[in-house]
Amino acid sequence: MTNILLTGSSRGIGAAIAQVLSASDGVRLIGHGTASGIPADFSDPAGPRQLWDKALAELGTIDVVINNAGVFEDNPIDRSDDDWVAGWERTMRINLTASAELCRFAVRHWQERQSGGRIVNVASRAAYRGDSPNHWHYAASKAGMVAMTKSIARGYAAQGILAFAVCPGFTMTGMAEDYLASRGGDKLLADIPLGRVADPEEVANAVAYLATSAPPSMTGAVIDVNGASYVR
């Protein structure tokens, strides 16, 4: 049995990941932020530890951590200094710092057990391509997540601890629908060679593969799911 902790499982990509993994044989899944999962506020510095401790108490051991929780909020540069910094720090806290804490808890857990484990971090094409002038903080948080993933992969592979990242482009969630509508959907779609945004299930299938069956030699890999709107 593979015990998996998934953050941000209440909607969008996270809900699709939960659905795919719940249908998999040999998986026990605990979600975060759902009616049947564990509530935790990642804007609160105490949130990640509370989530980890509750999930570990329920599962006994955790074999896979999937960091999917995140926010995408405007932070224009003409805000007051205090408001701009607060917006920056809120996004970093939720998108990057909370994920880093859960990665750290997981690595230490696996070291204590002398067992391997897997981390899958859901980042964004913004990690490589950047984002809008109102979203410096979002792009920076996702670039940090990719760099963290690679550092974990390189640092702990010899202990059987594997780390992967998935970088979606626009995905048809409520967040993406609002963004597309506010910025002229046709123009943005013209920038995607595939001609459409990704379905959440497409991203979820990539995440599930990395979480359960990707070969160990793939550790450190970053998988793009963006319709060729950014290629590396």
C-alpha atoms as a PDB file:
ATOM      1  CA  MET A   1       0.000   0.000   0.000  1.00  0.00           C
ATOM      2  CA  THR A   2       1.303   3.450  -0.973  1.00  0.00           C
ATOM      3  CA  ASN A   3       0.259   6.248   1.370  1.00  0.00           C
ATOM      4  CA  ILE A   4       0.000   9.626  -0.379  1.00  0.00           C
ATOM      5  CA  LEU A   5      -0.491  13.126   1.002  1.00  0.00           C
ATOM      6  CA  LEU A   6      -1.881  15.564  -1.576  1.00  0.00           C
ATOM      7  CA  THR A   7      -2.219  19.283  -0.894  1.00  0.00           C
ATOM      8  CA  GLY A   8      -4.770  21.527  -2.571  1.00  0.00           C
ATOM      9  CA  SER A   9      -7.084  18.647  -3.393  1.00  0.00           C
ATOM     10  CA  SER A  10     -10.390  20.507  -3.199  1.00  0.00           C
ATOM     11  CA  ARG A  11     -10.641  21.777  -6.789  1.00  0.00           C
ATOM     12  CA  GLY A  12      -9.068  22.051 -10.214  1.00  0.00           C
ATOM     13  CA  ILE A  13      -5.859  20.113 -10.770  1.00  0.00           C
ATOM     14  CA  GLY A  14      -5.817  18.864  -7.181  1.00  0.00           C
ATOM     15  CA  ALA A  15      -9.296  17.379  -7.430  1.00  0.00           C
ATOM     16  CA  ALA A  16      -8.347  15.686 -10.703  1.00  0.00           C
ATOM     17  CA  ILE A  17      -5.184  14.252  -9.115  1.00  0.00           C
ATOM     18  CA  ALA A  18      -7.236  12.940  -6.208  1.00  0.00           C
ATOM     19  CA  GLN A  19      -9.700  11.281  -8.583  1.00  0.00           C
ATOM     20  CA  VAL A  20      -6.971   9.577 -10.615  1.00  0.00           C
ATOM     21  CA  LEU A  21      -5.065   8.343  -7.578  1.00  0.00           C
ATOM     22  CA  SER A  22      -8.182   7.218  -5.713  1.00  0.00           C
ATOM     23  CA  ALA A  23      -8.983   4.951  -8.648  1.00  0.00           C
ATOM     24  CA  SER A  24      -5.517   3.369  -8.494  1.00  0.00           C
ATOM     25  CA  ASP A  25      -4.999   0.029  -6.831  1.00  0.00           C
ATOM     26  CA  GLY A  26      -2.814  -0.028  -3.763  1.00  0.00           C
ATOM     27  CA  VAL A  27      -3.096   3.696  -2.940  1.00  0.00           C
ATOM     28  CA  ARG A  28      -4.326   5.328   0.246  1.00  0.00           C
ATOM     29  CA  LEU A  29      -4.795   9.053  -0.259  1.00  0.00           C
ATOM     30  CA  ILE A  30      -5.235  11.875   2.206  1.00  0.00           C
ATOM     31  CA  GLY A  31      -6.244  15.181   0.726  1.00  0.00           C
ATOM     32  CA  HIS A  32      -5.910  18.674   2.106  1.00  0.00           C
ATOM     33  CA  GLY A  33      -8.664  21.263   2.001  1.00  0.00           C
ATOM     34  CA  THR A  34     -11.533  18.907   1.162  1.00  0.00           C
ATOM     35  CA  ALA A  35     -14.558  17.928   3.187  1.00  0.00           C
ATOM     36  CA  SER A  36     -13.149  14.434   3.571  1.00  0.00           C
ATOM     37  CA  GLY A  37      -9.541  15.584   3.951  1.00  0.00           C
ATOM     38  CA  ILE A  38      -7.562  17.626   6.443  1.00  0.00           C
ATOM     39  CA  PRO A  39      -8.038  21.401   6.661  1.00  0.00           C
ATOM     40  CA  ALA A  40      -4.898  23.515   6.944  1.00  0.00           C
ATOM     41  CA  ASP A  41      -4.284  27.190   6.229  1.00  0.00           C
ATOM     42  CA  PHE A  42      -0.965  27.573   4.428  1.00  0.00           C
ATOM     43  CA  SER A  43      -0.978  31.341   4.940  1.00  0.00           C
ATOM     44  CA  ASP A  44      -0.488  30.469   8.626  1.00  0.00           C
ATOM     45  CA  PRO A  45       3.102  29.367   9.370  1.00  0.00           C
ATOM     46  CA  ALA A  46       1.689  26.640  11.615  1.00  0.00           C
ATOM     47  CA  GLY A  47      -0.407  25.152   8.796  1.00  0.00           C
ATOM     48  CA  PRO A  48       2.088  22.774   7.147  1.00  0.00           C
ATOM     49  CA  ARG A  49       3.141  21.161  10.430  1.00  0.00           C
ATOM     50  CA  GLN A  50      -0.495  20.714  11.464  1.00  0.00           C
ATOM     51  CA  LEU A  51      -1.291  19.043   8.155  1.00  0.00           C
ATOM     52  CA  TRP A  52       1.756  16.775   8.291  1.00  0.00           C
ATOM     53  CA  ASP A  53       1.146  15.649  11.862  1.00  0.00           C
ATOM     54  CA  LYS A  54      -2.548  14.895  11.249  1.00  0.00           C
ATOM     55  CA  ALA A  55      -1.838  13.023   8.014  1.00  0.00           C
ATOM     56  CA  LEU A  56       0.957  11.003   9.597  1.00  0.00           C
ATOM     57  CA  ALA A  57      -1.219  10.111  12.573  1.00  0.00           C
ATOM     58  CA  GLU A  58      -3.961   8.872  10.250  1.00  0.00           C
ATOM     59  CA  LEU A  59      -1.769   6.999   7.769  1.00  0.00           C
ATOM     60  CA  GLY A  60       1.014   5.778  10.054  1.00  0.00           C
ATOM     61  CA  THR A  61       3.592   6.395   7.334  1.00  0.00           C
ATOM     62  CA  ILE A  62       3.662   8.670   4.298  1.00  0.00           C
ATOM     63  CA  ASP A  63       5.299   7.386   1.137  1.00  0.00           C
ATOM     64  CA  VAL A  64       4.532  10.200  -1.331  1.00  0.00           C
ATOM     65  CA  VAL A  65       3.967  13.937  -0.938  1.00  0.00           C
ATOM     66  CA  ILE A  66       2.328  15.880  -3.760  1.00  0.00           C
ATOM     67  CA  ASN A  67       2.564  19.647  -3.318  1.00  0.00           C
ATOM     68  CA  ASN A  68      -0.225  21.150  -5.396  1.00  0.00           C
ATOM     69  CA  ALA A  69      -1.717  23.881  -3.188  1.00  0.00           C
ATOM     70  CA  GLY A  70      -1.164  27.417  -4.428  1.00  0.00           C
ATOM     71  CA  VAL A  71      -2.618  30.848  -5.076  1.00  0.00           C
ATOM     72  CA  PHE A  72      -2.561  33.093  -8.143  1.00  0.00           C
ATOM     73  CA  GLU A  73      -3.292  36.648  -7.064  1.00  0.00           C
ATOM     74  CA  ASP A  74      -2.644  40.039  -8.659  1.00  0.00           C
ATOM     75  CA  ASN A  75       0.088  42.150  -7.087  1.00  0.00           C
ATOM     76  CA  PRO A  76       0.553  45.280  -9.249  1.00  0.00           C
ATOM     77  CA  ILE A  77       3.692  47.315  -8.655  1.00  0.00           C
ATOM     78  CA  ASP A  78       1.732  50.528  -8.051  1.00  0.00           C
ATOM     79  CA  ARG A  79       0.336  49.256  -4.755  1.00  0.00           C
ATOM     80  CA  SER A  80       1.696  50.776  -1.567  1.00  0.00           C
ATOM     81  CA  ASP A  81       5.046  49.396  -0.455  1.00  0.00           C
ATOM     82  CA  ASP A  82       3.518  47.551   2.489  1.00  0.00           C
ATOM     83  CA  ASP A  83       0.702  46.047   0.414  1.00  0.00           C
ATOM     84  CA  TRP A  84       3.060  44.932  -2.367  1.00  0.00           C
ATOM     85  CA  VAL A  85       5.418  43.241   0.077  1.00  0.00           C
ATOM     86  CA  ALA A  86       2.477  41.631   1.878  1.00  0.00           C
ATOM     87  CA  GLY A  87       1.195  40.259  -1.431  1.00  0.00           C
ATOM     88  CA  TRP A  88       4.652  38.942  -2.308  1.00  0.00           C
ATOM     89  CA  GLU A  89       5.126  37.276   1.058  1.00  0.00           C
ATOM     90  CA  ARG A  90       1.646  35.718   1.088  1.00  0.00           C
ATOM     91  CA  THR A  91       2.225  34.046  -2.282  1.00  0.00           C
ATOM     92  CA  MET A  92       5.703  32.864  -1.283  1.00  0.00           C
ATOM     93  CA  ARG A  93       4.388  31.500   2.006  1.00  0.00           C
ATOM     94  CA  ILE A  94       1.549  29.529   0.392  1.00  0.00           C
ATOM     95  CA  ASN A  95       3.172  28.474  -2.889  1.00  0.00           C
ATOM     96  CA  LEU A  96       6.781  27.865  -1.891  1.00  0.00           C
ATOM     97  CA  THR A  97       7.500  27.939   1.839  1.00  0.00           C
ATOM     98  CA  ALA A  98       4.647  25.618   2.799  1.00  0.00           C
ATOM     99  CA  SER A  99       5.761  23.190   0.081  1.00  0.00           C
ATOM    100  CA  ALA A 100       9.353  23.392   1.291  1.00  0.00           C
ATOM    101  CA  GLU A 101       8.288  22.592   4.831  1.00  0.00           C
ATOM    102  CA  LEU A 102       6.330  19.540   3.721  1.00  0.00           C
ATOM    103  CA  CYS A 103       9.294  18.391   1.613  1.00  0.00           C
ATOM    104  CA  ARG A 104      11.549  18.754   4.645  1.00  0.00           C
ATOM    105  CA  PHE A 105       9.166  16.831   6.899  1.00  0.00           C
ATOM    106  CA  ALA A 106       8.962  14.083   4.289  1.00  0.00           C
ATOM    107  CA  VAL A 107      12.710  13.787   3.750  1.00  0.00           C
ATOM    108  CA  ARG A 108      13.361  13.583   7.477  1.00  0.00           C
ATOM    109  CA  HIS A 109      10.563  11.019   7.875  1.00  0.00           C
ATOM    110  CA  TRP A 110      12.076   8.810   5.200  1.00  0.00           C
ATOM    111  CA  GLN A 111      15.561   9.216   6.632  1.00  0.00           C
ATOM    112  CA  GLU A 112      14.339   8.157  10.070  1.00  0.00           C
ATOM    113  CA  ARG A 113      12.599   5.135   8.548  1.00  0.00           C
ATOM    114  CA  GLN A 114      15.614   4.428   6.314  1.00  0.00           C
ATOM    115  CA  SER A 115      13.180   4.087   3.451  1.00  0.00           C
ATOM    116  CA  GLY A 116      12.729   5.815   0.157  1.00  0.00           C
ATOM    117  CA  GLY A 117       9.913   8.136  -0.828  1.00  0.00           C
ATOM    118  CA  ARG A 118       8.659  10.374  -3.597  1.00  0.00           C
ATOM    119  CA  ILE A 119       7.920  14.078  -3.868  1.00  0.00           C
ATOM    120  CA  VAL A 120       5.967  15.569  -6.767  1.00  0.00           C
ATOM    121  CA  ASN A 121       5.801  19.355  -6.879  1.00  0.00           C
ATOM    122  CA  VAL A 122       3.225  21.021  -9.130  1.00  0.00           C
ATOM    123  CA  ALA A 123       4.932  24.165 -10.392  1.00  0.00           C
ATOM    124  CA  SER A 124       4.080  26.121 -13.567  1.00  0.00           C
ATOM    125  CA  ARG A 125       5.449  27.059 -16.966  1.00  0.00           C
ATOM    126  CA  ALA A 126       5.863  30.496 -15.319  1.00  0.00           C
ATOM    127  CA  ALA A 127       8.924  29.029 -13.596  1.00  0.00           C
ATOM    128  CA  TYR A 128      10.686  29.171 -16.967  1.00  0.00           C
ATOM    129  CA  ARG A 129       8.712  31.626 -19.065  1.00  0.00           C
ATOM    130  CA  GLY A 130       7.786  34.167 -16.388  1.00  0.00           C
ATOM    131  CA  ASP A 131       4.324  35.660 -16.016  1.00  0.00           C
ATOM    132  CA  SER A 132       2.484  38.970 -16.270  1.00  0.00           C
ATOM    133  CA  PRO A 133       3.686  42.265 -14.714  1.00  0.00           C
ATOM    134  CA  ASN A 134       1.213  41.663 -11.875  1.00  0.00           C
ATOM    135  CA  HIS A 135       2.593  38.218 -11.103  1.00  0.00           C
ATOM    136  CA  TRP A 136       6.317  38.503 -10.421  1.00  0.00           C
ATOM    137  CA  HIS A 137       5.697  36.754  -7.107  1.00  0.00           C
ATOM    138  CA  TYR A 138       3.851  33.830  -8.684  1.00  0.00           C
ATOM    139  CA  ALA A 139       6.577  33.171 -11.268  1.00  0.00           C
ATOM    140  CA  ALA A 140       9.290  33.465  -8.620  1.00  0.00           C
ATOM    141  CA  SER A 141       7.497  31.052  -6.295  1.00  0.00           C
ATOM    142  CA  LYS A 142       7.189  28.443  -9.043  1.00  0.00           C
ATOM    143  CA  ALA A 143      10.807  28.874 -10.158  1.00  0.00           C
ATOM    144  CA  GLY A 144      11.799  28.333  -6.540  1.00  0.00           C
ATOM    145  CA  MET A 145       9.731  25.157  -6.456  1.00  0.00           C
ATOM    146  CA  VAL A 146      11.532  23.782  -9.514  1.00  0.00           C
ATOM    147  CA  ALA A 147      14.958  24.625  -8.092  1.00  0.00           C
ATOM    148  CA  MET A 148      14.005  23.050  -4.771  1.00  0.00           C
ATOM    149  CA  THR A 149      12.848  19.891  -6.539  1.00  0.00           C
ATOM    150  CA  LYS A 150      16.143  19.544  -8.374  1.00  0.00           C
ATOM    151  CA  SER A 151      18.106  20.152  -5.178  1.00  0.00           C
ATOM    152  CA  ILE A 152      16.183  17.425  -3.351  1.00  0.00           C
ATOM    153  CA  ALA A 153      16.631  15.021  -6.254  1.00  0.00           C
ATOM    154  CA  ARG A 154      20.387  15.565  -6.344  1.00  0.00           C
ATOM    155  CA  GLY A 155      20.814  15.586  -2.590  1.00  0.00           C
ATOM    156  CA  TYR A 156      18.938  12.468  -1.573  1.00  0.00           C
ATOM    157  CA  ALA A 157      18.779  10.091  -4.542  1.00  0.00           C
ATOM    158  CA  ALA A 158      21.309   7.781  -2.914  1.00  0.00           C
ATOM    159  CA  GLN A 159      18.827   7.327  -0.053  1.00  0.00           C
ATOM    160  CA  GLY A 160      16.025   6.358  -2.422  1.00  0.00           C
ATOM    161  CA  ILE A 161      14.308   9.715  -2.049  1.00  0.00           C
ATOM    162  CA  LEU A 162      13.055  10.871  -5.444  1.00  0.00           C
ATOM    163  CA  ALA A 163      11.731  14.272  -6.483  1.00  0.00           C
ATOM    164  CA  PHE A 164       9.899  15.401  -9.606  1.00  0.00           C
ATOM    165  CA  ALA A 165       8.091  18.504 -10.818  1.00  0.00           C
ATOM    166  CA  VAL A 166       5.241  19.100 -13.236  1.00  0.00           C
ATOM    167  CA  CYS A 167       4.916  22.476 -14.964  1.00  0.00           C
ATOM    168  CA  PRO A 168       1.431  23.044 -16.363  1.00  0.00           C
ATOM    169  CA  GLY A 169       0.565  25.938 -18.605  1.00  0.00           C
ATOM    170  CA  PHE A 170      -3.003  27.187 -18.650  1.00  0.00           C
ATOM    171  CA  THR A 171      -5.298  24.467 -17.349  1.00  0.00           C
ATOM    172  CA  MET A 172      -9.066  24.582 -17.529  1.00  0.00           C
ATOM    173  CA  THR A 173      -9.776  25.267 -13.878  1.00  0.00           C
ATOM    174  CA  GLY A 174     -11.735  28.115 -12.349  1.00  0.00           C
ATOM    175  CA  MET A 175      -8.468  30.011 -11.881  1.00  0.00           C
ATOM    176  CA  ALA A 176      -7.521  29.708 -15.549  1.00  0.00           C
ATOM    177  CA  GLU A 177     -11.025  30.541 -16.770  1.00  0.00           C
ATOM    178  CA  ASP A 178     -10.957  33.814 -14.818  1.00  0.00           C
ATOM    179  CA  TYR A 179      -7.484  34.635 -16.129  1.00  0.00           C
ATOM    180  CA  LEU A 180      -8.403  33.905 -19.735  1.00  0.00           C
ATOM    181  CA  ALA A 181     -11.576  35.965 -19.537  1.00  0.00           C
ATOM    182  CA  SER A 182      -9.789  38.942 -18.009  1.00  0.00           C
ATOM    183  CA  ARG A 183      -7.025  39.013 -20.625  1.00  0.00           C
ATOM    184  CA  GLY A 184      -8.792  38.107 -23.855  1.00  0.00           C
ATOM    185  CA  GLY A 185      -9.030  34.364 -24.252  1.00  0.00           C
ATOM    186  CA  ASP A 186      -8.581  34.236 -28.029  1.00  0.00           C
ATOM    187  CA  LYS A 187      -5.279  36.098 -27.906  1.00  0.00           C
ATOM    188  CA  LEU A 188      -3.893  33.852 -25.226  1.00  0.00           C
ATOM    189  CA  LEU A 189      -5.088  30.700 -26.956  1.00  0.00           C
ATOM    190  CA  ALA A 190      -3.286  31.833 -30.117  1.00  0.00           C
ATOM    191  CA  ASP A 191      -0.047  31.511 -28.116  1.00  0.00           C
ATOM    192  CA  ILE A 192      -0.696  27.796 -27.520  1.00  0.00           C
ATOM    193  CA  PRO A 193       0.241  25.724 -30.593  1.00  0.00           C
ATOM    194  CA  LEU A 194      -2.087  22.928 -29.485  1.00  0.00           C
ATOM    195  CA  GLY A 195      -4.957  25.404 -29.744  1.00  0.00           C
ATOM    196  CA  ARG A 196      -6.457  24.754 -26.321  1.00  0.00           C
ATOM    197  CA  VAL A 197      -5.590  24.814 -22.659  1.00  0.00           C
ATOM    198  CA  ALA A 198      -4.904  21.549 -20.834  1.00  0.00           C
ATOM    199  CA  ASP A 199      -7.596  19.531 -19.123  1.00  0.00           C
ATOM    200  CA  PRO A 200      -6.955  18.958 -15.404  1.00  0.00           C
ATOM    201  CA  GLU A 201      -6.950  15.206 -16.077  1.00  0.00           C
ATOM    202  CA  GLU A 202      -3.938  15.588 -18.370  1.00  0.00           C
ATOM    203  CA  VAL A 203      -1.920  17.172 -15.608  1.00  0.00           C
ATOM    204  CA  ALA A 204      -3.280  14.688 -13.079  1.00  0.00           C
ATOM    205  CA  ASN A 205      -2.152  11.713 -15.152  1.00  0.00           C
ATOM    206  CA  ALA A 206       1.392  13.114 -15.337  1.00  0.00           C
ATOM    207  CA  VAL A 207       1.437  13.665 -11.571  1.00  0.00           C
ATOM    208  CA  ALA A 208       0.069  10.184 -10.857  1.00  0.00           C
ATOM    209  CA  TYR A 209       2.723   8.613 -13.075  1.00  0.00           C
ATOM    210  CA  LEU A 210       5.525  10.398 -11.230  1.00  0.00           C
ATOM    211  CA  ALA A 211       3.999   9.614  -7.841  1.00  0.00           C
ATOM    212  CA  THR A 212       3.570   5.902  -8.409  1.00  0.00           C
ATOM    213  CA  SER A 213       5.448   4.384 -11.317  1.00  0.00           C
ATOM    214  CA  ALA A 214       8.063   6.639 -12.899  1.00  0.00           C
ATOM    215  CA  PRO A 215      11.451   4.902 -12.875  1.00  0.00           C
ATOM    216  CA  PRO A 216      13.933   6.088 -10.237  1.00  0.00           C
ATOM    217  CA  SER A 217      16.323   7.297 -12.930  1.00  0.00           C
ATOM    218  CA  MET A 218      13.802  10.022 -13.749  1.00  0.00           C
ATOM    219  CA  THR A 219      14.396  11.726 -10.402  1.00  0.00           C
ATOM    220  CA  GLY A 220      14.939  15.442 -10.900  1.00  0.00           C
ATOM    221  CA  ALA A 221      12.809  15.478 -14.047  1.00  0.00           C
ATOM    222  CA  VAL A 222      10.459  18.349 -14.830  1.00  0.00           C
ATOM    223  CA  ILE A 223       7.514  17.456 -17.071  1.00  0.00           C
ATOM    224  CA  ASP A 224       5.873  20.228 -19.103  1.00  0.00           C
ATOM    225  CA  VAL A 225       2.129  20.095 -19.796  1.00  0.00           C
ATOM    226  CA  ASN A 226       1.497  23.303 -21.715  1.00  0.00           C
ATOM    227  CA  GLY A 227       0.494  22.532 -25.306  1.00  0.00           C
ATOM    228  CA  ALA A 228       3.980  23.600 -26.538  1.00  0.00           C
ATOM    229  CA  SER A 229       3.351  27.184 -25.409  1.00  0.00           C
ATOM    230  CA  TYR A 230       6.777  26.990 -23.804  1.00  0.00           C
ATOM    231  CA  VAL A 231       9.388  24.436 -24.792  1.00  0.00           C
ATOM    232  CA  ARG A 232      12.805  23.964 -23.235  1.00  0.00           C
END
